[in-house]
Structures are given as C-alpha cells and as structure tokens.
C-alpha cells in the first residue's frame, strides 16, 4: 500500500533522484522487471524514469516507495527530502 505522505504530503517530485532509485534497486539485487511487476508499470517505463529520461509521477513514486519499503523522502535529493520531512 502506498505511503499516505506520498499521496497527500508536501513531496517535491522535482527533487526525485533517479540515481538513488538505481542505487537502492541494484544494492538489493532487484531486477527492473521484478520492480516493474511489484509496482504495476512496465519495465521500459521504469527504466526511463530511473535513467532520468521521463519524469516520475506521484503514483509511480508512491508505488516504488511501497515496493521497496522506503521512507517517503528516500529517493529525493537531500534538499527535497528535508522539505518532505
């Protein structure tokens, strides 16, 4: 279930850090296809988000945070995470 702060809180998605997503996913050994299945979006779409080629939506961010069991600001730059706290 997506985190309520992600769905309604003061989250600055412009501060999304694609490298943070890549780092967490790789560190945990989660293939892109597996993450895509968990969040309900195509691997191609998530790959473009992770590469910074496509902006992340609030819905995708919430699904990724839930699938990876992360805190709401975990994939934001430090400045963005501070604003979300």
N, C-alpha and C. Protein backbone atom coordinates (compact mmCIF):
# COMPACT_ATOMS: atom_id res chain seq x y z
N UNK A 1 0.84 -1.18 0.00
CA UNK A 1 0.00 0.00 0.00
C UNK A 1 0.89 1.24 0.00
N UNK A 2 0.65 2.19 -0.88
CA UNK A 2 1.45 3.41 -0.93
C UNK A 2 1.38 4.19 0.37
N UNK A 3 2.46 4.84 0.69
CA UNK A 3 2.56 5.63 1.91
C UNK A 3 1.67 6.86 1.81
N UNK A 4 0.86 7.16 2.86
CA UNK A 4 -0.06 8.30 2.78
C UNK A 4 0.63 9.64 2.57
N UNK A 5 1.83 9.82 3.11
CA UNK A 5 2.54 11.09 2.92
C UNK A 5 2.87 11.31 1.46
N UNK A 6 3.16 10.24 0.76
CA UNK A 6 3.48 10.35 -0.66
C UNK A 6 2.26 10.79 -1.45
N UNK A 7 1.10 10.27 -1.08
CA UNK A 7 -0.11 10.59 -1.82
C UNK A 7 -0.66 11.98 -1.54
N UNK A 8 -0.45 12.50 -0.34
CA UNK A 8 -1.08 13.78 0.00
C UNK A 8 -0.12 14.81 0.59
N UNK A 9 1.10 14.42 0.86
CA UNK A 9 2.00 15.29 1.58
C UNK A 9 2.73 16.29 0.71
N UNK A 10 3.61 17.04 1.34
CA UNK A 10 4.37 18.09 0.65
C UNK A 10 5.60 17.54 -0.06
N UNK A 11 5.40 16.57 -0.92
CA UNK A 11 6.51 15.92 -1.60
C UNK A 11 6.89 16.69 -2.85
N UNK A 12 8.16 17.04 -2.97
CA UNK A 12 8.66 17.78 -4.13
C UNK A 12 9.26 16.79 -5.12
N UNK A 13 8.45 16.32 -6.06
CA UNK A 13 8.94 15.32 -7.00
C UNK A 13 9.98 15.88 -7.97
N UNK A 14 10.11 17.19 -8.04
CA UNK A 14 11.19 17.77 -8.84
C UNK A 14 12.54 17.42 -8.22
N UNK A 15 12.53 17.04 -6.93
CA UNK A 15 13.75 16.66 -6.23
C UNK A 15 14.03 15.16 -6.32
N UNK A 16 13.23 14.43 -7.12
CA UNK A 16 13.46 13.00 -7.30
C UNK A 16 14.86 12.76 -7.84
N UNK A 17 15.56 11.80 -7.24
CA UNK A 17 16.92 11.48 -7.65
C UNK A 17 16.94 10.10 -8.32
N UNK A 18 16.95 10.05 -9.65
CA UNK A 18 16.96 8.77 -10.34
C UNK A 18 18.12 7.86 -9.93
N UNK A 19 19.27 8.47 -9.62
CA UNK A 19 20.42 7.68 -9.20
C UNK A 19 20.16 6.96 -7.88
N UNK A 20 19.38 7.58 -7.00
CA UNK A 20 19.04 6.94 -5.72
C UNK A 20 18.20 5.69 -5.97
N UNK A 21 17.25 5.78 -6.89
CA UNK A 21 16.44 4.62 -7.23
C UNK A 21 17.32 3.51 -7.79
N UNK A 22 18.19 3.87 -8.71
CA UNK A 22 19.09 2.89 -9.31
C UNK A 22 19.95 2.23 -8.23
N UNK A 23 20.50 3.02 -7.34
CA UNK A 23 21.38 2.51 -6.28
C UNK A 23 20.63 1.53 -5.37
N UNK A 24 19.46 1.91 -4.90
CA UNK A 24 18.69 1.05 -4.00
C UNK A 24 18.30 -0.25 -4.71
N UNK A 25 17.81 -0.12 -5.90
CA UNK A 25 17.38 -1.31 -6.65
C UNK A 25 18.54 -2.28 -6.87
N UNK A 26 19.68 -1.76 -7.30
CA UNK A 26 20.85 -2.61 -7.57
C UNK A 26 21.43 -3.19 -6.28
N UNK A 27 21.49 -2.38 -5.23
CA UNK A 27 22.03 -2.84 -3.95
C UNK A 27 21.22 -4.01 -3.40
N UNK A 28 19.91 -3.98 -3.63
CA UNK A 28 19.04 -5.05 -3.15
C UNK A 28 18.94 -6.21 -4.14
N UNK A 29 19.57 -6.06 -5.29
CA UNK A 29 19.57 -7.13 -6.29
C UNK A 29 18.21 -7.35 -6.94
N UNK A 30 17.46 -6.27 -7.10
CA UNK A 30 16.11 -6.37 -7.67
C UNK A 30 16.18 -6.02 -9.16
N UNK A 31 15.91 -6.97 -10.02
CA UNK A 31 15.89 -6.66 -11.46
C UNK A 31 14.77 -5.67 -11.79
N UNK A 32 14.98 -4.88 -12.81
CA UNK A 32 13.98 -3.89 -13.22
C UNK A 32 12.64 -4.56 -13.50
N UNK A 33 12.66 -5.71 -14.14
CA UNK A 33 11.41 -6.42 -14.47
C UNK A 33 10.64 -6.79 -13.19
N UNK A 34 11.37 -7.20 -12.16
CA UNK A 34 10.75 -7.57 -10.89
C UNK A 34 10.13 -6.34 -10.21
N UNK A 35 10.86 -5.22 -10.21
CA UNK A 35 10.31 -4.00 -9.64
C UNK A 35 9.08 -3.56 -10.42
N UNK A 36 9.14 -3.66 -11.72
CA UNK A 36 8.01 -3.28 -12.57
C UNK A 36 6.77 -4.11 -12.21
N UNK A 37 6.95 -5.39 -11.99
CA UNK A 37 5.82 -6.24 -11.60
C UNK A 37 5.25 -5.82 -10.25
N UNK A 38 6.13 -5.46 -9.33
CA UNK A 38 5.70 -5.05 -7.99
C UNK A 38 4.90 -3.75 -8.02
N UNK A 39 5.29 -2.82 -8.89
CA UNK A 39 4.63 -1.51 -8.89
C UNK A 39 3.53 -1.38 -9.93
N UNK A 40 3.45 -2.33 -10.86
CA UNK A 40 2.37 -2.31 -11.83
C UNK A 40 2.59 -1.39 -13.03
N UNK A 41 3.85 -1.13 -13.35
CA UNK A 41 4.20 -0.34 -14.54
C UNK A 41 5.18 -1.15 -15.36
N UNK A 42 5.32 -0.82 -16.62
CA UNK A 42 6.23 -1.59 -17.47
C UNK A 42 7.69 -1.33 -17.08
N UNK A 43 8.52 -2.34 -17.32
CA UNK A 43 9.94 -2.20 -17.06
C UNK A 43 10.53 -1.08 -17.92
N UNK A 44 10.04 -0.95 -19.13
CA UNK A 44 10.51 0.10 -20.04
C UNK A 44 10.24 1.49 -19.45
N UNK A 45 9.04 1.67 -18.93
CA UNK A 45 8.67 2.97 -18.34
C UNK A 45 9.56 3.26 -17.12
N UNK A 46 9.71 2.28 -16.23
CA UNK A 46 10.52 2.48 -15.04
C UNK A 46 11.99 2.70 -15.39
N UNK A 47 12.47 2.03 -16.42
CA UNK A 47 13.85 2.24 -16.86
C UNK A 47 14.06 3.70 -17.27
N UNK A 48 13.10 4.25 -18.00
CA UNK A 48 13.22 5.65 -18.43
C UNK A 48 13.16 6.60 -17.24
N UNK A 49 12.36 6.25 -16.24
CA UNK A 49 12.31 7.06 -15.02
C UNK A 49 13.66 6.98 -14.31
N UNK A 50 14.20 5.78 -14.17
CA UNK A 50 15.47 5.58 -13.48
C UNK A 50 16.63 6.24 -14.21
N UNK A 51 16.54 6.34 -15.51
CA UNK A 51 17.59 6.99 -16.30
C UNK A 51 17.40 8.51 -16.37
N UNK A 52 16.31 9.01 -15.80
CA UNK A 52 16.04 10.45 -15.83
C UNK A 52 15.49 10.92 -17.16
N UNK A 53 15.07 10.00 -18.01
CA UNK A 53 14.53 10.34 -19.32
C UNK A 53 13.04 10.67 -19.27
N UNK A 54 12.40 10.29 -18.19
CA UNK A 54 10.96 10.51 -18.04
C UNK A 54 10.72 10.96 -16.60
N UNK A 55 9.87 11.97 -16.39
CA UNK A 55 9.59 12.40 -15.02
C UNK A 55 8.81 11.33 -14.26
N UNK A 56 8.97 11.33 -12.96
CA UNK A 56 8.24 10.37 -12.14
C UNK A 56 6.93 11.01 -11.67
N UNK A 57 5.87 10.25 -11.72
CA UNK A 57 4.58 10.75 -11.24
C UNK A 57 4.45 10.41 -9.76
N UNK A 58 3.53 11.08 -9.09
CA UNK A 58 3.26 10.82 -7.68
C UNK A 58 2.83 9.36 -7.49
N UNK A 59 2.03 8.83 -8.42
CA UNK A 59 1.55 7.45 -8.31
C UNK A 59 2.70 6.45 -8.42
N UNK A 60 3.58 6.67 -9.38
CA UNK A 60 4.72 5.76 -9.54
C UNK A 60 5.65 5.88 -8.34
N UNK A 61 5.91 7.10 -7.89
CA UNK A 61 6.78 7.29 -6.74
C UNK A 61 6.22 6.55 -5.53
N UNK A 62 4.93 6.70 -5.28
CA UNK A 62 4.29 6.03 -4.14
C UNK A 62 4.40 4.51 -4.27
N UNK A 63 4.20 3.99 -5.47
CA UNK A 63 4.28 2.55 -5.69
C UNK A 63 5.71 2.03 -5.50
N UNK A 64 6.69 2.78 -5.97
CA UNK A 64 8.09 2.37 -5.83
C UNK A 64 8.50 2.40 -4.36
N UNK A 65 8.13 3.46 -3.66
CA UNK A 65 8.45 3.58 -2.23
C UNK A 65 7.85 2.40 -1.46
N UNK A 66 6.60 2.06 -1.77
CA UNK A 66 5.93 0.95 -1.09
C UNK A 66 6.61 -0.38 -1.44
N UNK A 67 6.91 -0.59 -2.72
CA UNK A 67 7.51 -1.85 -3.16
C UNK A 67 8.89 -2.07 -2.57
N UNK A 68 9.63 -0.98 -2.37
CA UNK A 68 10.98 -1.08 -1.83
C UNK A 68 11.02 -0.87 -0.31
N UNK A 69 9.85 -0.63 0.29
CA UNK A 69 9.73 -0.41 1.73
C UNK A 69 10.66 0.71 2.20
N UNK A 70 10.53 1.87 1.56
CA UNK A 70 11.36 3.03 1.87
C UNK A 70 10.54 4.14 2.52
N UNK A 71 11.22 5.04 3.19
CA UNK A 71 10.57 6.24 3.73
C UNK A 71 10.24 7.17 2.56
N UNK A 72 9.22 8.02 2.71
CA UNK A 72 8.77 8.87 1.59
C UNK A 72 9.86 9.72 0.93
N UNK A 73 10.80 10.25 1.67
CA UNK A 73 11.82 11.10 1.07
C UNK A 73 13.08 10.37 0.64
N UNK A 74 13.08 9.06 0.69
CA UNK A 74 14.30 8.27 0.46
C UNK A 74 14.88 8.43 -0.94
N UNK A 75 14.06 8.73 -1.92
CA UNK A 75 14.56 8.83 -3.29
C UNK A 75 14.60 10.27 -3.79
N UNK A 76 14.67 11.19 -2.84
CA UNK A 76 14.77 12.61 -3.18
C UNK A 76 16.19 13.08 -2.89
N UNK A 77 16.58 14.18 -3.52
CA UNK A 77 17.85 14.80 -3.16
C UNK A 77 17.75 15.21 -1.70
N UNK A 78 18.86 15.48 -1.06
CA UNK A 78 18.83 15.87 0.36
C UNK A 78 17.94 17.08 0.58
N UNK A 79 18.00 18.04 -0.32
CA UNK A 79 17.17 19.24 -0.17
C UNK A 79 15.69 18.88 -0.26
N UNK A 80 15.34 18.04 -1.20
CA UNK A 80 13.95 17.63 -1.36
C UNK A 80 13.47 16.79 -0.19
N UNK A 81 14.33 15.92 0.32
CA UNK A 81 13.96 15.08 1.46
C UNK A 81 13.73 15.94 2.69
N UNK A 82 14.53 16.99 2.86
CA UNK A 82 14.34 17.89 4.00
C UNK A 82 13.00 18.61 3.91
N UNK A 83 12.58 18.98 2.71
CA UNK A 83 11.29 19.64 2.54
C UNK A 83 10.14 18.67 2.79
N UNK A 84 10.34 17.37 2.51
CA UNK A 84 9.29 16.37 2.70
C UNK A 84 9.16 15.95 4.15
N UNK A 85 10.19 16.20 4.96
CA UNK A 85 10.17 15.76 6.37
C UNK A 85 9.27 16.62 7.22
